[in-house]
């Protein structure tokens, strides 16, 4: 099946997708704040600029988009039919970069939690999971 958007429209659409302040990230932040948890955002001094930083606890949370980071859910496992090779390579690069950043964080004495977009949107008891992570 061919793409239903022209290359120009597709490019404009993809350019609007943000890396910060995504809907799942904002939803999680609101849940955490409502529960009395306070945090910093996108600390540029840390590898990967984590989405949510609990500096006093040396713990961070990454809110990953299922499509962009190749999660094993229905959205993440879907591969576009056009330009397939590009998207497969793009996801692999993202996953490699993520692994390197997580290793660097561990070496610096930080712990991390990966939260997936589908988990936040489905509200799969995510606050309980974060609280367990935070201790």
Protein backbone atom coordinates (compact mmCIF):
# COMPACT_ATOMS: atom_id res chain seq x y z
CA UNK A 1 0.00 0.00 0.00
CA UNK A 2 1.38 3.37 -0.98
CA UNK A 3 1.61 6.24 1.46
CA UNK A 4 -1.58 8.30 1.42
CA UNK A 5 0.40 11.53 1.94
CA UNK A 6 2.64 13.25 -0.52
CA UNK A 7 6.34 13.29 0.42
CA UNK A 8 6.06 17.00 1.27
CA UNK A 9 3.06 16.47 3.57
CA UNK A 10 4.71 13.45 5.18
CA UNK A 11 7.87 15.47 5.81
CA UNK A 12 5.88 18.32 7.36
CA UNK A 13 3.93 15.84 9.50
CA UNK A 14 7.07 14.08 10.77
CA UNK A 15 8.74 17.44 11.52
CA UNK A 16 5.93 18.26 13.96
CA UNK A 17 6.65 15.21 16.10
CA UNK A 18 8.41 16.35 19.25
CA UNK A 19 11.09 14.79 21.36
CA UNK A 20 10.10 16.65 24.52
CA UNK A 21 6.76 17.31 26.17
CA UNK A 22 4.97 14.53 24.33
CA UNK A 23 1.43 13.58 25.33
CA UNK A 24 2.52 10.41 27.22
CA UNK A 25 5.30 12.32 28.98
CA UNK A 26 2.95 15.09 30.12
CA UNK A 27 0.38 12.52 31.27
CA UNK A 28 2.97 10.72 33.38
CA UNK A 29 4.31 13.98 34.82
CA UNK A 30 0.79 15.01 35.85
CA UNK A 31 0.21 11.65 37.53
CA UNK A 32 3.50 11.91 39.41
CA UNK A 33 2.86 15.50 40.48
CA UNK A 34 -0.67 14.62 41.62
CA UNK A 35 0.91 11.90 43.77
CA UNK A 36 3.22 14.42 45.41
CA UNK A 37 6.40 13.46 43.57
CA UNK A 38 8.66 16.31 42.48
CA UNK A 39 11.24 16.08 39.73
CA UNK A 40 13.33 17.94 37.16
CA UNK A 41 12.92 17.75 33.41
CA UNK A 42 15.40 16.93 30.64
CA UNK A 43 18.68 17.41 32.53
CA UNK A 44 21.16 18.13 29.74
CA UNK A 45 24.10 17.11 31.93
CA UNK A 46 22.95 13.47 31.92
CA UNK A 47 23.34 11.04 29.01
CA UNK A 48 20.19 10.99 26.90
CA UNK A 49 18.63 14.04 28.61
CA UNK A 50 16.18 11.91 30.63
CA UNK A 51 12.54 13.02 30.52
CA UNK A 52 12.08 12.96 34.31
CA UNK A 53 14.94 13.30 36.80
CA UNK A 54 14.84 12.58 40.54
CA UNK A 55 18.24 14.10 41.30
CA UNK A 56 18.27 13.41 45.04
CA UNK A 57 17.62 9.74 44.43
CA UNK A 58 19.92 9.55 41.37
CA UNK A 59 17.11 8.00 39.36
CA UNK A 60 15.68 8.93 35.99
CA UNK A 61 12.73 7.96 33.82
CA UNK A 62 12.65 7.81 30.04
CA UNK A 63 9.22 7.94 28.38
CA UNK A 64 9.79 6.15 25.08
CA UNK A 65 7.58 6.30 22.03
CA UNK A 66 6.67 2.76 21.01
CA UNK A 67 7.09 3.39 17.28
CA UNK A 68 10.37 5.30 17.51
CA UNK A 69 12.11 2.92 19.89
CA UNK A 70 10.73 -0.36 18.52
CA UNK A 71 8.67 -1.59 21.47
CA UNK A 72 7.14 -5.06 21.15
CA UNK A 73 3.55 -3.75 21.34
CA UNK A 74 1.29 -3.50 18.24
CA UNK A 75 2.34 0.10 17.54
CA UNK A 76 6.04 -0.53 18.06
CA UNK A 77 6.18 -3.70 16.03
CA UNK A 78 4.51 -2.07 13.02
CA UNK A 79 6.95 -1.25 10.22
CA UNK A 80 5.89 1.23 7.55
CA UNK A 81 5.40 -0.29 4.12
CA UNK A 82 7.15 2.55 2.32
CA UNK A 83 10.81 3.31 2.91
CA UNK A 84 11.03 0.21 5.10
CA UNK A 85 14.80 -0.04 5.09
CA UNK A 86 15.15 3.52 6.41
CA UNK A 87 12.73 2.90 9.28
CA UNK A 88 14.32 -0.38 10.31
CA UNK A 89 17.75 1.28 10.40
CA UNK A 90 16.35 4.34 12.21
CA UNK A 91 14.87 2.21 14.99
CA UNK A 92 18.06 0.18 15.29
CA UNK A 93 20.08 3.39 15.65
CA UNK A 94 17.66 4.61 18.32
CA UNK A 95 17.93 1.33 20.23
CA UNK A 96 21.74 1.36 20.04
CA UNK A 97 21.85 4.96 21.24
CA UNK A 98 19.43 4.13 24.08
CA UNK A 99 21.59 1.20 25.20
CA UNK A 100 24.73 3.34 25.19
CA UNK A 101 23.04 6.09 27.20
CA UNK A 102 21.68 3.62 29.76
CA UNK A 103 25.18 2.14 30.18
CA UNK A 104 26.65 5.61 30.68
CA UNK A 105 24.02 6.43 33.30
CA UNK A 106 24.77 3.23 35.22
CA UNK A 107 28.51 3.98 35.09
CA UNK A 108 27.78 7.41 36.60
CA UNK A 109 25.82 5.84 39.45
CA UNK A 110 22.30 6.57 38.16
CA UNK A 111 19.42 4.12 37.86
CA UNK A 112 16.87 4.37 35.09
CA UNK A 113 13.37 3.22 34.28
CA UNK A 114 12.04 2.94 30.74
CA UNK A 115 8.32 3.66 30.48
CA UNK A 116 6.60 3.00 27.17
CA UNK A 117 4.03 5.24 25.54
CA UNK A 118 1.47 2.41 25.44
CA UNK A 119 1.84 1.83 29.20
CA UNK A 120 1.15 5.46 30.00
CA UNK A 121 -1.77 5.77 27.60
CA UNK A 122 -3.33 2.54 28.92
CA UNK A 123 -2.48 3.61 32.49
CA UNK A 124 -1.18 0.11 33.25
CA UNK A 125 -0.72 0.82 36.96
CA UNK A 126 2.21 3.00 35.97
CA UNK A 127 2.34 5.04 39.20
CA UNK A 128 2.78 1.88 41.27
CA UNK A 129 5.62 0.82 38.99
CA UNK A 130 7.33 4.21 39.28
CA UNK A 131 6.95 4.21 43.08
CA UNK A 132 8.52 0.74 43.26
CA UNK A 133 11.39 2.03 41.14
CA UNK A 134 11.86 5.07 43.36
CA UNK A 135 11.85 2.94 46.49
